[in-house]
Protein backbone atom coordinates (compact mmCIF):
# COMPACT_ATOMS: atom_id res chain seq x y z
CA MET A 1 2.91 4.38 -19.96
CA LYS A 2 2.00 4.46 -23.55
CA LYS A 3 0.08 1.03 -23.35
CA PHE A 4 -1.85 2.41 -20.05
CA PHE A 5 -2.95 5.66 -22.05
CA PHE A 6 -3.85 3.07 -25.06
CA VAL A 7 -6.20 1.41 -22.64
CA LEU A 8 -7.59 4.58 -21.34
CA ILE A 9 -8.55 5.90 -24.71
CA LEU A 10 -10.44 2.63 -25.70
CA ILE A 11 -12.31 2.60 -22.37
CA PHE A 12 -13.09 6.23 -22.96
CA PHE A 13 -14.32 5.51 -26.65
CA ASP A 14 -16.34 2.65 -25.36
CA PHE A 15 -18.16 4.85 -23.07
CA LEU A 16 -18.46 7.69 -24.92
CA SER A 17 -20.31 5.55 -27.49
CA LYS A 18 -22.68 4.29 -24.97
CA ILE A 19 -23.42 7.65 -23.46
CA ILE A 20 -24.22 8.99 -27.01
CA ILE A 21 -26.62 5.74 -27.60
CA TYR A 22 -28.22 5.96 -24.20
CA ASN A 23 -29.17 9.76 -24.60
CA THR A 24 -30.36 9.49 -28.35
CA ILE A 25 -32.13 6.33 -28.84
CA GLU A 26 -34.82 4.91 -26.42
CA LEU A 27 -34.47 1.51 -24.91
CA HIS A 28 -35.60 -1.53 -27.58
CA LYS A 29 -35.57 0.95 -30.32
CA PHE A 30 -33.69 0.57 -33.41
CA VAL A 31 -32.25 3.06 -36.04
CA TYR A 32 -31.49 2.14 -39.49
CA ILE A 33 -27.99 2.89 -40.55
CA LEU A 34 -27.00 0.60 -43.40
CA PRO A 35 -28.89 -2.44 -44.93
CA PHE A 36 -27.11 -4.70 -42.62
CA LEU A 37 -26.38 -2.42 -39.48
CA ASP A 38 -28.68 -0.69 -37.00
CA PHE A 39 -28.08 1.07 -33.92
CA ALA A 40 -30.08 -0.11 -30.98
CA HIS A 41 -30.39 0.61 -27.47
CA ILE A 42 -30.32 -2.83 -25.53
CA HIS A 43 -29.46 -3.31 -22.06
CA ASN A 44 -27.50 -6.79 -21.60
CA TYR A 45 -28.04 -8.25 -18.12
CA GLY A 46 -26.13 -11.39 -18.77
CA ILE A 47 -22.68 -12.18 -20.29
CA SER A 48 -21.82 -12.42 -23.89
CA PHE A 49 -25.14 -12.12 -26.08
CA GLY A 50 -27.33 -12.09 -23.02
CA LEU A 51 -26.22 -15.69 -21.86
CA PHE A 52 -27.39 -16.44 -18.13
CA ALA A 53 -29.23 -13.23 -18.03
CA GLY A 54 -31.63 -13.58 -15.00
CA ILE A 55 -29.82 -16.48 -13.78
CA LEU A 56 -26.46 -14.94 -12.42
CA ASP A 57 -26.67 -11.90 -10.32
CA HIS A 58 -24.78 -8.91 -11.76
CA LYS A 59 -22.34 -8.68 -9.02
CA ILE A 60 -21.27 -12.59 -9.80
CA ILE A 61 -20.80 -11.55 -13.42
CA ILE A 62 -18.59 -8.75 -12.02
CA ILE A 63 -16.52 -11.00 -9.99
CA ILE A 64 -16.14 -13.41 -12.43
CA GLY A 65 -15.18 -10.89 -15.23
CA SER A 66 -12.89 -9.11 -12.64
CA ILE A 67 -10.97 -12.56 -11.89
CA VAL A 68 -10.58 -13.41 -15.43
CA THR A 69 -9.29 -9.76 -16.35
CA LEU A 70 -6.75 -10.17 -13.44
CA PHE A 71 -5.67 -13.26 -14.99
CA PHE A 72 -5.07 -11.58 -18.46
CA ILE A 73 -3.18 -8.82 -16.80
CA TYR A 74 -0.90 -11.40 -15.21
CA ILE A 75 -0.36 -13.08 -18.58
CA LEU A 76 0.33 -9.67 -19.91
CA LEU A 77 3.09 -8.99 -17.34
CA LYS A 78 4.77 -12.11 -18.17
CA SER A 79 4.45 -11.88 -21.88
CA ARG A 80 7.66 -10.92 -23.80
CA ASP A 81 6.00 -10.97 -27.19
CA ILE A 82 5.01 -7.48 -28.41
CA PHE A 83 1.97 -8.63 -30.45
CA GLU A 84 0.67 -10.75 -27.76
CA LYS A 85 0.88 -7.85 -25.41
CA TRP A 86 -1.22 -5.43 -27.84
CA ALA A 87 -3.67 -8.40 -27.97
CA LEU A 88 -3.75 -8.62 -24.30
CA LEU A 89 -4.28 -5.05 -24.03
CA LEU A 90 -7.34 -5.04 -26.49
CA ILE A 91 -9.00 -7.95 -24.42
CA ILE A 92 -8.11 -6.10 -20.93
CA SER A 93 -9.54 -2.73 -22.40
CA GLY A 94 -12.65 -4.38 -23.30
CA ALA A 95 -13.16 -6.31 -20.27
CA ILE A 96 -12.63 -3.38 -18.05
CA SER A 97 -14.98 -1.18 -19.95
CA ASN A 98 -17.83 -3.83 -19.87
CA ILE A 99 -17.19 -4.55 -15.97
CA LEU A 100 -17.10 -0.80 -15.26
CA ASP A 101 -20.58 -0.55 -17.32
CA ARG A 102 -22.01 -3.40 -15.34
CA THR A 103 -20.78 -2.00 -11.95
CA LEU A 104 -22.24 1.42 -12.84
CA ASN A 105 -25.69 0.14 -14.35
CA ASN A 106 -26.05 -3.50 -13.41
CA TYR A 107 -26.16 -4.20 -17.33
CA VAL A 108 -23.75 -3.75 -20.35
CA LEU A 109 -25.29 -1.33 -22.97
CA ASP A 110 -25.21 -3.05 -26.34
CA PHE A 111 -26.00 -1.19 -29.54
CA ILE A 112 -24.25 -2.35 -32.66
CA TYR A 113 -26.85 -4.79 -34.43
CA LEU A 114 -25.61 -6.73 -37.41
CA HIS A 115 -28.07 -8.59 -39.57
CA TYR A 116 -28.24 -10.11 -43.03
CA LYS A 117 -31.72 -11.32 -44.52
CA ASP A 118 -33.18 -13.61 -41.89
CA PHE A 119 -29.59 -13.94 -40.04
CA TYR A 120 -29.31 -11.63 -37.00
CA TRP A 121 -26.35 -11.48 -34.97
CA PRO A 122 -26.88 -10.33 -31.06
CA ALA A 123 -26.02 -6.67 -30.28
CA PHE A 124 -22.67 -5.91 -29.02
CA ASN A 125 -20.68 -2.69 -28.25
CA PHE A 126 -16.98 -1.40 -28.98
CA ALA A 127 -15.62 -3.36 -25.90
CA ASP A 128 -16.73 -6.60 -27.30
CA ILE A 129 -14.91 -5.62 -30.57
CA TYR A 130 -11.94 -5.01 -28.68
CA ILE A 131 -12.14 -8.37 -26.81
CA THR A 132 -13.18 -10.30 -30.29
CA PHE A 133 -9.95 -8.64 -32.08
CA GLY A 134 -7.54 -9.43 -29.21
CA ILE A 135 -8.65 -13.02 -29.14
CA ILE A 136 -8.31 -13.09 -33.10
CA MET A 137 -4.72 -11.59 -32.73
CA ILE A 138 -3.90 -14.35 -30.09
CA LEU A 139 -5.24 -17.18 -32.42
CA ILE A 140 -3.23 -15.71 -35.36
CA LYS A 141 -0.28 -15.89 -33.32
CA LEU A 142 -0.89 -19.24 -32.11
CA VAL A 143 -1.68 -20.74 -35.57
CA LYS A 144 1.50 -19.07 -37.00
CA GLU A 145 3.65 -20.83 -34.28
CA MET A 146 2.27 -24.12 -34.87
CA ILE A 147 2.74 -23.87 -38.56
CA TYR A 148 6.49 -22.75 -37.99
CA LYS A 149 6.86 -25.68 -35.49
CA THR A 150 5.63 -28.18 -38.04
CA LYS A 151 7.89 -26.79 -40.68
CA LEU A 152 10.87 -27.82 -38.40
C-alpha cells in the first residue's frame, strides 16, 4: 500500500508542475531561472525528445507506452529485490504520468530546459526524471552484480 501511495504522490507532483507551467507560461515561451536552466512551455507530440512527432499518432504512442508499462508492472510483481522494486516504481510512475498527460491532451507538456553555452538538452518534465532515475538505479544494480560475479 505504501508503494501505491508513493506512485500516486509522484504522479500528483508531476501533474501539479505541468498545471502550474500550463497556467503561468505561454506556449513556446521561456522563463530564465538560472544560467543553465529555463522553464518553458512545450508540447511534445512525439516520444522522448519529440521523436516520431507527426509520424506516430498519439493513440499508438499511448498503446505502446501502456504495453511497456504493463511489462514493467509484471517485472515489479516478480521482483524480490527491494532496490529494484523502488527503481521500477519510479519508472512506472513516470510512464503512467506521461501516458495520462498524453491521453488527456494528445501531447506531453515538457518544461525543464537545461543548457550550457551552445549545448541545449531537449525539454523534459518530472515524469521523465522519474524514469531516468529508475533506469539509472537498475543500471547501478546490474553493474554491481556484474562486478560481484567477476570477483567470484
